[in-house]
Protein backbone atom coordinates (compact mmCIF):
# COMPACT_ATOMS: atom_id res chain seq x y z
CA UNK A 1 1.01 13.33 -11.70
CA UNK A 2 1.61 9.87 -13.15
CA UNK A 3 5.01 9.61 -11.47
CA UNK A 4 3.52 10.31 -8.02
CA UNK A 5 0.90 7.63 -8.57
CA UNK A 6 3.51 5.05 -9.48
CA UNK A 7 5.57 6.00 -6.43
CA UNK A 8 2.50 5.45 -4.23
CA UNK A 9 1.84 2.05 -5.80
CA UNK A 10 5.44 0.94 -5.26
CA UNK A 11 5.41 2.27 -1.69
CA UNK A 12 2.21 0.33 -0.95
CA UNK A 13 3.69 -2.87 -2.30
CA UNK A 14 6.83 -2.27 -0.25
CA UNK A 15 4.76 -1.87 2.94
CA UNK A 16 2.94 -5.14 2.21
CA UNK A 17 6.21 -6.99 1.54
CA UNK A 18 7.79 -5.57 4.68
CA UNK A 19 4.78 -6.60 6.75
CA UNK A 20 5.00 -10.13 5.39
CA UNK A 21 8.69 -10.34 6.28
CA UNK A 22 8.05 -8.98 9.76
CA UNK A 23 5.22 -11.42 10.47
CA UNK A 24 7.23 -14.34 9.09
CA UNK A 25 10.38 -13.75 11.11
CA UNK A 26 8.95 -12.18 14.28
CA UNK A 27 6.02 -12.96 16.48
CA UNK A 28 3.49 -10.17 16.01
CA UNK A 29 -0.12 -9.67 16.97
CA UNK A 30 -2.93 -10.03 14.47
CA UNK A 31 -3.76 -6.36 14.89
CA UNK A 32 -0.24 -5.26 13.93
CA UNK A 33 0.00 -7.50 10.87
CA UNK A 34 -3.51 -6.56 9.76
CA UNK A 35 -2.82 -2.86 10.26
CA UNK A 36 0.32 -3.00 8.13
CA UNK A 37 -1.49 -4.94 5.42
CA UNK A 38 -4.36 -2.45 5.47
CA UNK A 39 -2.02 0.52 5.25
CA UNK A 40 -0.27 -1.05 2.26
CA UNK A 41 -3.55 -1.74 0.47
CA UNK A 42 -4.73 1.79 1.23
CA UNK A 43 -1.59 3.33 -0.26
CA UNK A 44 -1.94 1.19 -3.40
CA UNK A 45 -5.60 2.18 -3.71
CA UNK A 46 -4.70 5.86 -3.34
CA UNK A 47 -2.12 5.52 -6.13
CA UNK A 48 -4.63 3.80 -8.41
CA UNK A 49 -7.27 6.47 -7.81
CA UNK A 50 -4.80 9.24 -8.62
CA UNK A 51 -3.75 7.36 -11.78
CA UNK A 52 -7.29 7.37 -13.15
CA UNK A 53 -7.93 10.18 -15.65
CA UNK A 54 -10.20 13.02 -14.61
CA UNK A 55 -13.71 12.92 -16.09
CA UNK A 56 -15.19 15.97 -17.77
CA UNK A 57 -18.37 17.48 -16.33
């Protein structure tokens, strides 16, 4: 489970880096750059939530 979480975190960072490269070298709309940034942050958040240990009831 920990390995999948780390893969999600790395994938989210890769999406954010790719979006920054795309917006720097190509003319994109604000919606497109914001959508890519939001997707990257969402993937990182999903990886962090899965990394958190389960709480006992």
